[in-house]
Amino acid sequence: MDTYWHFCSTDSAGRPVLRDRSLALAPGQTETHSGPLVLCRTGLHMSARALDALQYAPGSWCRIVNPGAKIEASADKLCSTERHIVASFDATAVLH
């Protein structure tokens, strides 16, 4: 299965959070989205290349993820109904 990149920010306690400010799930868990898939609006987004994901990154918390079966894609990103978290780490030092 192909792996993808997703970046998120952190809350005041340093925990990774999604754009809606909910806590991001840990490696081994799967985030789900039950609504429609619309790029840049709804769904669980990710990019095949880290460089592409960085242009949308709200912060430096990096996650390596696998998408679910249902996806909508463009040249630099995709959104899916599922996002399985493979790895998660603070990439601040790497990005600087």
PDB file of N, CA and C in Angstrom:
ATOM      1  N   MET A   1       0.844  -1.187   0.000  1.00  0.00           N
ATOM      2  CA  MET A   1       0.000   0.000   0.000  1.00  0.00           C
ATOM      3  C   MET A   1       0.886   1.246   0.000  1.00  0.00           C
ATOM      4  N   ASP A   2       0.512   2.224  -0.796  1.00  0.00           N
ATOM      5  CA  ASP A   2       1.266   3.467  -0.862  1.00  0.00           C
ATOM      6  C   ASP A   2       1.105   4.265   0.423  1.00  0.00           C
ATOM      7  N   THR A   3       2.168   4.957   0.800  1.00  0.00           N
ATOM      8  CA  THR A   3       2.097   5.824   1.967  1.00  0.00           C
ATOM      9  C   THR A   3       2.034   7.272   1.501  1.00  0.00           C
ATOM     10  N   TYR A   4       1.380   8.089   2.325  1.00  0.00           N
ATOM     11  CA  TYR A   4       1.177   9.492   2.025  1.00  0.00           C
ATOM     12  C   TYR A   4       1.585  10.327   3.228  1.00  0.00           C
ATOM     13  N   TRP A   5       1.660  11.629   3.029  1.00  0.00           N
ATOM     14  CA  TRP A   5       2.080  12.583   4.058  1.00  0.00           C
ATOM     15  C   TRP A   5       0.917  13.471   4.463  1.00  0.00           C
ATOM     16  N   HIS A   6       0.848  13.761   5.761  1.00  0.00           N
ATOM     17  CA  HIS A   6      -0.151  14.686   6.289  1.00  0.00           C
ATOM     18  C   HIS A   6       0.498  15.453   7.433  1.00  0.00           C
ATOM     19  N   PHE A   7       0.355  16.757   7.443  1.00  0.00           N
ATOM     20  CA  PHE A   7       0.896  17.596   8.519  1.00  0.00           C
ATOM     21  C   PHE A   7      -0.246  18.228   9.292  1.00  0.00           C
ATOM     22  N   CYS A   8      -0.053  18.387  10.582  1.00  0.00           N
ATOM     23  CA  CYS A   8      -1.033  19.083  11.411  1.00  0.00           C
ATOM     24  C   CYS A   8      -0.296  19.953  12.421  1.00  0.00           C
ATOM     25  N   SER A   9      -1.035  20.725  13.161  1.00  0.00           N
ATOM     26  CA  SER A   9      -0.451  21.596  14.175  1.00  0.00           C
ATOM     27  C   SER A   9      -0.545  20.909  15.537  1.00  0.00           C
ATOM     28  N   THR A  10      -0.155  21.625  16.577  1.00  0.00           N
ATOM     29  CA  THR A  10      -0.241  21.095  17.936  1.00  0.00           C
ATOM     30  C   THR A  10      -1.015  22.077  18.816  1.00  0.00           C
ATOM     31  N   ASP A  11      -1.574  21.541  19.892  1.00  0.00           N
ATOM     32  CA  ASP A  11      -2.277  22.408  20.841  1.00  0.00           C
ATOM     33  C   ASP A  11      -1.279  22.945  21.863  1.00  0.00           C
ATOM     34  N   SER A  12      -1.756  23.669  22.860  1.00  0.00           N
ATOM     35  CA  SER A  12      -0.869  24.286  23.848  1.00  0.00           C
ATOM     36  C   SER A  12      -0.112  23.261  24.691  1.00  0.00           C
ATOM     37  N   ALA A  13      -0.581  22.014  24.716  1.00  0.00           N
ATOM     38  CA  ALA A  13       0.106  20.950  25.445  1.00  0.00           C
ATOM     39  C   ALA A  13       1.071  20.171  24.551  1.00  0.00           C
ATOM     40  N   GLY A  14       1.182  20.581  23.285  1.00  0.00           N
ATOM     41  CA  GLY A  14       2.088  19.921  22.359  1.00  0.00           C
ATOM     42  C   GLY A  14       1.530  18.670  21.703  1.00  0.00           C
ATOM     43  N   ARG A  15       0.222  18.446  21.849  1.00  0.00           N
ATOM     44  CA  ARG A  15      -0.417  17.275  21.224  1.00  0.00           C
ATOM     45  C   ARG A  15      -0.848  17.629  19.809  1.00  0.00           C
ATOM     46  N   PRO A  16      -0.689  16.704  18.854  1.00  0.00           N
ATOM     47  CA  PRO A  16      -1.114  17.001  17.480  1.00  0.00           C
ATOM     48  C   PRO A  16      -2.628  17.122  17.389  1.00  0.00           C
ATOM     49  N   VAL A  17      -3.069  18.156  16.670  1.00  0.00           N
ATOM     50  CA  VAL A  17      -4.498  18.398  16.480  1.00  0.00           C
ATOM     51  C   VAL A  17      -4.800  18.626  14.999  1.00  0.00           C
ATOM     52  N   LEU A  18      -6.016  18.299  14.621  1.00  0.00           N
ATOM     53  CA  LEU A  18      -6.482  18.499  13.259  1.00  0.00           C
ATOM     54  C   LEU A  18      -6.990  19.934  13.099  1.00  0.00           C
ATOM     55  N   ARG A  19      -7.372  20.304  11.897  1.00  0.00           N
ATOM     56  CA  ARG A  19      -7.822  21.687  11.650  1.00  0.00           C
ATOM     57  C   ARG A  19      -9.054  22.075  12.467  1.00  0.00           C
ATOM     58  N   ASP A  20      -9.894  21.093  12.819  1.00  0.00           N
ATOM     59  CA  ASP A  20     -11.062  21.392  13.649  1.00  0.00           C
ATOM     60  C   ASP A  20     -10.710  21.425  15.138  1.00  0.00           C
ATOM     61  N   ARG A  21      -9.424  21.313  15.436  1.00  0.00           N
ATOM     62  CA  ARG A  21      -8.838  21.361  16.786  1.00  0.00           C
ATOM     63  C   ARG A  21      -9.076  20.078  17.584  1.00  0.00           C
ATOM     64  N   SER A  22      -9.630  19.038  16.973  1.00  0.00           N
ATOM     65  CA  SER A  22      -9.761  17.750  17.659  1.00  0.00           C
ATOM     66  C   SER A  22      -8.396  17.071  17.673  1.00  0.00           C
ATOM     67  N   LEU A  23      -8.170  16.218  18.670  1.00  0.00           N
ATOM     68  CA  LEU A  23      -6.894  15.530  18.765  1.00  0.00           C
ATOM     69  C   LEU A  23      -6.707  14.577  17.591  1.00  0.00           C
ATOM     70  N   ALA A  24      -5.512  14.612  17.008  1.00  0.00           N
ATOM     71  CA  ALA A  24      -5.175  13.685  15.934  1.00  0.00           C
ATOM     72  C   ALA A  24      -4.964  12.307  16.545  1.00  0.00           C
ATOM     73  N   LEU A  25      -5.354  11.275  15.821  1.00  0.00           N
ATOM     74  CA  LEU A  25      -5.194   9.918  16.333  1.00  0.00           C
ATOM     75  C   LEU A  25      -3.742   9.467  16.261  1.00  0.00           C
ATOM     76  N   ALA A  26      -3.417   8.453  17.030  1.00  0.00           N
ATOM     77  CA  ALA A  26      -2.057   7.929  17.149  1.00  0.00           C
ATOM     78  C   ALA A  26      -1.792   6.856  16.088  1.00  0.00           C
ATOM     79  N   PRO A  27      -0.513   6.537  15.859  1.00  0.00           N
ATOM     80  CA  PRO A  27      -0.179   5.451  14.935  1.00  0.00           C
ATOM     81  C   PRO A  27      -0.924   4.165  15.303  1.00  0.00           C
ATOM     82  N   GLY A  28      -1.373   3.465  14.257  1.00  0.00           N
ATOM     83  CA  GLY A  28      -2.149   2.249  14.442  1.00  0.00           C
ATOM     84  C   GLY A  28      -3.644   2.482  14.431  1.00  0.00           C
ATOM     85  N   GLN A  29      -4.058   3.749  14.525  1.00  0.00           N
ATOM     86  CA  GLN A  29      -5.481   4.074  14.519  1.00  0.00           C
ATOM     87  C   GLN A  29      -5.895   4.619  13.153  1.00  0.00           C
ATOM     88  N   THR A  30      -7.199   4.638  12.904  1.00  0.00           N
ATOM     89  CA  THR A  30      -7.725   5.111  11.628  1.00  0.00           C
ATOM     90  C   THR A  30      -8.760   6.200  11.848  1.00  0.00           C
ATOM     91  N   GLU A  31      -8.529   7.356  11.243  1.00  0.00           N
ATOM     92  CA  GLU A  31      -9.506   8.441  11.260  1.00  0.00           C
ATOM     93  C   GLU A  31     -10.515   8.180  10.148  1.00  0.00           C
ATOM     94  N   THR A  32     -11.770   8.549  10.383  1.00  0.00           N
ATOM     95  CA  THR A  32     -12.801   8.325   9.373  1.00  0.00           C
ATOM     96  C   THR A  32     -13.592   9.605   9.117  1.00  0.00           C
ATOM     97  N   HIS A  33     -14.113   9.691   7.904  1.00  0.00           N
ATOM     98  CA  HIS A  33     -14.951  10.813   7.493  1.00  0.00           C
ATOM     99  C   HIS A  33     -16.191  10.223   6.825  1.00  0.00           C
ATOM    100  N   SER A  34     -17.367  10.614   7.273  1.00  0.00           N
ATOM    101  CA  SER A  34     -18.598  10.014   6.755  1.00  0.00           C
ATOM    102  C   SER A  34     -19.325  10.883   5.728  1.00  0.00           C
ATOM    103  N   GLY A  35     -18.875  12.102   5.530  1.00  0.00           N
ATOM    104  CA  GLY A  35     -19.550  12.988   4.587  1.00  0.00           C
ATOM    105  C   GLY A  35     -19.014  12.856   3.180  1.00  0.00           C
ATOM    106  N   PRO A  36     -19.395  13.797   2.320  1.00  0.00           N
ATOM    107  CA  PRO A  36     -18.911  13.769   0.933  1.00  0.00           C
ATOM    108  C   PRO A  36     -17.422  14.098   0.867  1.00  0.00           C
ATOM    109  N   LEU A  37     -16.786  13.690  -0.229  1.00  0.00           N
ATOM    110  CA  LEU A  37     -15.383  14.005  -0.464  1.00  0.00           C
ATOM    111  C   LEU A  37     -15.299  15.149  -1.467  1.00  0.00           C
ATOM    112  N   VAL A  38     -14.758  16.278  -1.020  1.00  0.00           N
ATOM    113  CA  VAL A  38     -14.574  17.438  -1.886  1.00  0.00           C
ATOM    114  C   VAL A  38     -13.194  17.995  -1.571  1.00  0.00           C
ATOM    115  N   LEU A  39     -12.292  17.929  -2.542  1.00  0.00           N
ATOM    116  CA  LEU A  39     -10.937  18.436  -2.318  1.00  0.00           C
ATOM    117  C   LEU A  39     -10.963  19.867  -1.806  1.00  0.00           C
ATOM    118  N   CYS A  40     -10.119  20.134  -0.843  1.00  0.00           N
ATOM    119  CA  CYS A  40      -9.957  21.447  -0.205  1.00  0.00           C
ATOM    120  C   CYS A  40     -11.139  21.848   0.687  1.00  0.00           C
ATOM    121  N   ARG A  41     -12.130  20.963   0.841  1.00  0.00           N
ATOM    122  CA  ARG A  41     -13.291  21.303   1.661  1.00  0.00           C
ATOM    123  C   ARG A  41     -13.622  20.230   2.686  1.00  0.00           C
ATOM    124  N   THR A  42     -13.883  19.010   2.241  1.00  0.00           N
ATOM    125  CA  THR A  42     -14.262  17.943   3.165  1.00  0.00           C
ATOM    126  C   THR A  42     -13.528  16.654   2.823  1.00  0.00           C
ATOM    127  N   GLY A  43     -13.338  15.838   3.815  1.00  0.00           N
ATOM    128  CA  GLY A  43     -12.600  14.590   3.659  1.00  0.00           C
ATOM    129  C   GLY A  43     -11.286  14.670   4.407  1.00  0.00           C
ATOM    130  N   LEU A  44     -10.580  13.567   4.419  1.00  0.00           N
ATOM    131  CA  LEU A  44      -9.301  13.473   5.113  1.00  0.00           C
ATOM    132  C   LEU A  44      -8.202  13.602   4.058  1.00  0.00           C
ATOM    133  N   HIS A  45      -7.477  14.703   4.100  1.00  0.00           N
ATOM    134  CA  HIS A  45      -6.521  15.040   3.055  1.00  0.00           C
ATOM    135  C   HIS A  45      -5.121  14.505   3.337  1.00  0.00           C
ATOM    136  N   MET A  46      -4.341  14.320   2.264  1.00  0.00           N
ATOM    137  CA  MET A  46      -2.959  13.849   2.338  1.00  0.00           C
ATOM    138  C   MET A  46      -2.311  14.051   0.969  1.00  0.00           C
ATOM    139  N   SER A  47      -0.991  13.947   0.913  1.00  0.00           N
ATOM    140  CA  SER A  47      -0.260  14.093  -0.346  1.00  0.00           C
ATOM    141  C   SER A  47       0.749  12.971  -0.503  1.00  0.00           C
ATOM    142  N   ALA A  48       1.009  12.600  -1.762  1.00  0.00           N
ATOM    143  CA  ALA A  48       1.975  11.535  -2.045  1.00  0.00           C
ATOM    144  C   ALA A  48       3.406  11.990  -1.758  1.00  0.00           C
ATOM    145  N   ARG A  49       3.674  13.288  -1.902  1.00  0.00           N
ATOM    146  CA  ARG A  49       5.017  13.824  -1.641  1.00  0.00           C
ATOM    147  C   ARG A  49       4.977  14.765  -0.443  1.00  0.00           C
ATOM    148  N   ALA A  50       5.979  14.660   0.414  1.00  0.00           N
ATOM    149  CA  ALA A  50       6.057  15.538   1.591  1.00  0.00           C
ATOM    150  C   ALA A  50       6.078  17.005   1.164  1.00  0.00           C
ATOM    151  N   LEU A  51       6.789  17.307   0.085  1.00  0.00           N
ATOM    152  CA  LEU A  51       6.877  18.682  -0.394  1.00  0.00           C
ATOM    153  C   LEU A  51       5.502  19.238  -0.753  1.00  0.00           C
ATOM    154  N   ASP A  52       4.659  18.415  -1.351  1.00  0.00           N
ATOM    155  CA  ASP A  52       3.295  18.858  -1.661  1.00  0.00           C
ATOM    156  C   ASP A  52       2.493  19.064  -0.387  1.00  0.00           C
ATOM    157  N   ALA A  53       2.610  18.148   0.563  1.00  0.00           N
ATOM    158  CA  ALA A  53       1.865  18.257   1.822  1.00  0.00           C
ATOM    159  C   ALA A  53       2.266  19.502   2.598  1.00  0.00           C
ATOM    160  N   LEU A  54       3.524  19.900   2.505  1.00  0.00           N
ATOM    161  CA  LEU A  54       4.002  21.067   3.252  1.00  0.00           C
ATOM    162  C   LEU A  54       3.320  22.367   2.837  1.00  0.00           C
ATOM    163  N   GLN A  55       2.913  22.474   1.580  1.00  0.00           N
ATOM    164  CA  GLN A  55       2.268  23.730   1.174  1.00  0.00           C
ATOM    165  C   GLN A  55       0.897  23.911   1.815  1.00  0.00           C
ATOM    166  N   TYR A  56       0.324  22.843   2.333  1.00  0.00           N
ATOM    167  CA  TYR A  56      -0.969  22.897   3.016  1.00  0.00           C
ATOM    168  C   TYR A  56      -0.830  22.769   4.533  1.00  0.00           C
ATOM    169  N   ALA A  57       0.388  22.597   5.020  1.00  0.00           N
ATOM    170  CA  ALA A  57       0.637  22.283   6.427  1.00  0.00           C
ATOM    171  C   ALA A  57       0.291  23.442   7.355  1.00  0.00           C
ATOM    172  N   PRO A  58      -0.572  23.196   8.354  1.00  0.00           N
ATOM    173  CA  PRO A  58      -0.864  24.224   9.348  1.00  0.00           C
ATOM    174  C   PRO A  58       0.165  24.227  10.478  1.00  0.00           C
ATOM    175  N   GLY A  59       1.046  23.229  10.496  1.00  0.00           N
ATOM    176  CA  GLY A  59       2.060  23.106  11.541  1.00  0.00           C
ATOM    177  C   GLY A  59       3.093  22.078  11.147  1.00  0.00           C
ATOM    178  N   SER A  60       3.995  21.770  12.062  1.00  0.00           N
ATOM    179  CA  SER A  60       5.125  20.892  11.734  1.00  0.00           C
ATOM    180  C   SER A  60       5.000  19.473  12.298  1.00  0.00           C
ATOM    181  N   TRP A  61       3.824  19.088  12.754  1.00  0.00           N
ATOM    182  CA  TRP A  61       3.631  17.708  13.204  1.00  0.00           C
ATOM    183  C   TRP A  61       3.376  16.854  11.965  1.00  0.00           C
ATOM    184  N   CYS A  62       4.259  15.900  11.712  1.00  0.00           N
ATOM    185  CA  CYS A  62       4.202  15.095  10.494  1.00  0.00           C
ATOM    186  C   CYS A  62       3.594  13.728  10.775  1.00  0.00           C
ATOM    187  N   ARG A  63       2.752  13.289   9.843  1.00  0.00           N
ATOM    188  CA  ARG A  63       2.170  11.951   9.956  1.00  0.00           C
ATOM    189  C   ARG A  63       2.298  11.243   8.615  1.00  0.00           C
ATOM    190  N   ILE A  64       2.687  10.004   8.659  1.00  0.00           N
ATOM    191  CA  ILE A  64       2.725   9.153   7.477  1.00  0.00           C
ATOM    192  C   ILE A  64       1.473   8.304   7.552  1.00  0.00           C
ATOM    193  N   VAL A  65       0.696   8.322   6.480  1.00  0.00           N
ATOM    194  CA  VAL A  65      -0.643   7.736   6.502  1.00  0.00           C
ATOM    195  C   VAL A  65      -0.916   6.890   5.257  1.00  0.00           C
ATOM    196  N   ASN A  66      -1.938   6.051   5.345  1.00  0.00           N
ATOM    197  CA  ASN A  66      -2.472   5.294   4.213  1.00  0.00           C
ATOM    198  C   ASN A  66      -3.932   5.698   4.043  1.00  0.00           C
ATOM    199  N   PRO A  67      -4.367   5.936   2.798  1.00  0.00           N
ATOM    200  CA  PRO A  67      -5.765   6.301   2.576  1.00  0.00           C
ATOM    201  C   PRO A  67      -6.673   5.085   2.578  1.00  0.00           C
ATOM    202  N   GLY A  68      -7.968   5.334   2.725  1.00  0.00           N
ATOM    203  CA  GLY A  68      -8.969   4.294   2.567  1.00  0.00           C
ATOM    204  C   GLY A  68      -9.212   4.044   1.086  1.00  0.00           C
ATOM    205  N   ALA A  69     -10.177   3.212   0.786  1.00  0.00           N
ATOM    206  CA  ALA A  69     -10.450   2.826  -0.596  1.00  0.00           C
ATOM    207  C   ALA A  69     -11.116   3.933  -1.405  1.00  0.00           C
ATOM    208  N   LYS A  70     -11.958   4.739  -0.781  1.00  0.00           N
ATOM    209  CA  LYS A  70     -12.681   5.782  -1.504  1.00  0.00           C
ATOM    210  C   LYS A  70     -11.881   7.080  -1.448  1.00  0.00           C
ATOM    211  N   ILE A  71     -11.481   7.585  -2.625  1.00  0.00           N
ATOM    212  CA  ILE A  71     -10.668   8.807  -2.666  1.00  0.00           C
ATOM    213  C   ILE A  71     -11.111   9.718  -3.800  1.00  0.00           C
ATOM    214  N   GLU A  72     -10.772  10.994  -3.656  1.00  0.00           N
ATOM    215  CA  GLU A  72     -10.837  12.006  -4.704  1.00  0.00           C
ATOM    216  C   GLU A  72      -9.415  12.550  -4.796  1.00  0.00           C
ATOM    217  N   ALA A  73      -8.880  12.689  -6.008  1.00  0.00           N
ATOM    218  CA  ALA A  73      -7.475  13.078  -6.139  1.00  0.00           C
ATOM    219  C   ALA A  73      -7.284  14.220  -7.118  1.00  0.00           C
ATOM    220  N   SER A  74      -6.204  14.981  -6.892  1.00  0.00           N
ATOM    221  CA  SER A  74      -5.727  15.991  -7.834  1.00  0.00           C
ATOM    222  C   SER A  74      -4.233  15.732  -8.018  1.00  0.00           C
ATOM    223  N   ALA A  75      -3.549  16.635  -8.674  1.00  0.00           N
ATOM    224  CA  ALA A  75      -2.124  16.431  -8.965  1.00  0.00           C
ATOM    225  C   ALA A  75      -1.252  16.404  -7.704  1.00  0.00           C
ATOM    226  N   ASP A  76      -1.620  17.161  -6.668  1.00  0.00           N
ATOM    227  CA  ASP A  76      -0.738  17.272  -5.506  1.00  0.00           C
ATOM    228  C   ASP A  76      -1.354  16.825  -4.183  1.00  0.00           C
ATOM    229  N   LYS A  77      -2.584  16.336  -4.192  1.00  0.00           N
ATOM    230  CA  LYS A  77      -3.204  15.881  -2.942  1.00  0.00           C
ATOM    231  C   LYS A  77      -4.376  14.971  -3.250  1.00  0.00           C
ATOM    232  N   LEU A  78      -4.850  14.333  -2.205  1.00  0.00           N
ATOM    233  CA  LEU A  78      -6.078  13.547  -2.325  1.00  0.00           C
ATOM    234  C   LEU A  78      -6.819  13.630  -1.013  1.00  0.00           C
ATOM    235  N   CYS A  79      -8.089  13.296  -1.059  1.00  0.00           N
ATOM    236  CA  CYS A  79      -8.865  13.179   0.172  1.00  0.00           C
ATOM    237  C   CYS A  79      -9.567  11.832   0.139  1.00  0.00           C
ATOM    238  N   SER A  80      -9.777  11.299   1.326  1.00  0.00           N
ATOM    239  CA  SER A  80     -10.320   9.958   1.470  1.00  0.00           C
ATOM    240  C   SER A  80     -11.315   9.916   2.621  1.00  0.00           C
ATOM    241  N   THR A  81     -12.077   8.842   2.665  1.00  0.00           N
ATOM    242  CA  THR A  81     -13.000   8.633   3.781  1.00  0.00           C
ATOM    243  C   THR A  81     -12.284   8.034   4.985  1.00  0.00           C
ATOM    244  N   GLU A  82     -11.058   7.544   4.782  1.00  0.00           N
ATOM    245  CA  GLU A  82     -10.262   6.980   5.880  1.00  0.00           C
ATOM    246  C   GLU A  82      -8.809   7.418   5.756  1.00  0.00           C
ATOM    247  N   ARG A  83      -8.167   7.558   6.924  1.00  0.00           N
ATOM    248  CA  ARG A  83      -6.744   7.880   6.965  1.00  0.00           C
ATOM    249  C   ARG A  83      -6.136   7.053   8.094  1.00  0.00           C
ATOM    250  N   HIS A  84      -5.418   5.971   7.725  1.00  0.00           N
ATOM    251  CA  HIS A  84      -4.782   5.096   8.707  1.00  0.00           C
ATOM    252  C   HIS A  84      -3.420   5.683   9.045  1.00  0.00           C
ATOM    253  N   ILE A  85      -3.174   5.907  10.331  1.00  0.00           N
ATOM    254  CA  ILE A  85      -1.939   6.547  10.773  1.00  0.00           C
ATOM    255  C   ILE A  85      -0.851   5.484  10.933  1.00  0.00           C
ATOM    256  N   VAL A  86       0.216   5.608  10.149  1.00  0.00           N
ATOM    257  CA  VAL A  86       1.342   4.670  10.190  1.00  0.00           C
ATOM    258  C   VAL A  86       2.396   5.162  11.176  1.00  0.00           C
ATOM    259  N   ALA A  87       2.733   6.445  11.111  1.00  0.00           N
ATOM    260  CA  ALA A  87       3.743   7.043  11.992  1.00  0.00           C
ATOM    261  C   ALA A  87       3.377   8.500  12.235  1.00  0.00           C
ATOM    262  N   SER A  88       3.867   9.053  13.342  1.00  0.00           N
ATOM    263  CA  SER A  88       3.537  10.420  13.725  1.00  0.00           C
ATOM    264  C   SER A  88       4.699  10.983  14.536  1.00  0.00           C
ATOM    265  N   PHE A  89       5.172  12.191  14.170  1.00  0.00           N
ATOM    266  CA  PHE A  89       6.314  12.752  14.890  1.00  0.00           C
ATOM    267  C   PHE A  89       6.399  14.262  14.693  1.00  0.00           C
ATOM    268  N   ASP A  90       7.086  14.916  15.617  1.00  0.00           N
ATOM    269  CA  ASP A  90       7.333  16.346  15.520  1.00  0.00           C
ATOM    270  C   ASP A  90       8.498  16.554  14.549  1.00  0.00           C
ATOM    271  N   ALA A  91       8.235  17.209  13.435  1.00  0.00           N
ATOM    272  CA  ALA A  91       9.260  17.394  12.397  1.00  0.00           C
ATOM    273  C   ALA A  91       9.887  18.782  12.439  1.00  0.00           C
ATOM    274  N   THR A  92       9.692  19.521  13.522  1.00  0.00           N
ATOM    275  CA  THR A  92      10.204  20.892  13.599  1.00  0.00           C
ATOM    276  C   THR A  92      11.694  20.961  13.305  1.00  0.00           C
ATOM    277  N   ALA A  93      12.497  20.139  13.956  1.00  0.00           N
ATOM    278  CA  ALA A  93      13.960  20.193  13.772  1.00  0.00           C
ATOM    279  C   ALA A  93      14.344  19.815  12.348  1.00  0.00           C
ATOM    280  N   VAL A  94      13.684  18.855  11.772  1.00  0.00           N
ATOM    281  CA  VAL A  94      13.980  18.408  10.399  1.00  0.00           C
ATOM    282  C   VAL A  94      13.643  19.515   9.403  1.00  0.00           C
ATOM    283  N   LEU A  95      12.539  20.205   9.629  1.00  0.00           N
ATOM    284  CA  LEU A  95      12.097  21.232   8.694  1.00  0.00           C
ATOM    285  C   LEU A  95      12.954  22.494   8.745  1.00  0.00           C
ATOM    286  N   HIS A  96      13.636  22.714   9.868  1.00  0.00           N
ATOM    287  CA  HIS A  96      14.508  23.882   9.970  1.00  0.00           C
ATOM    288  C   HIS A  96      15.862  23.537   9.418  1.00  0.00           C
TER     289      HIS A  96
END
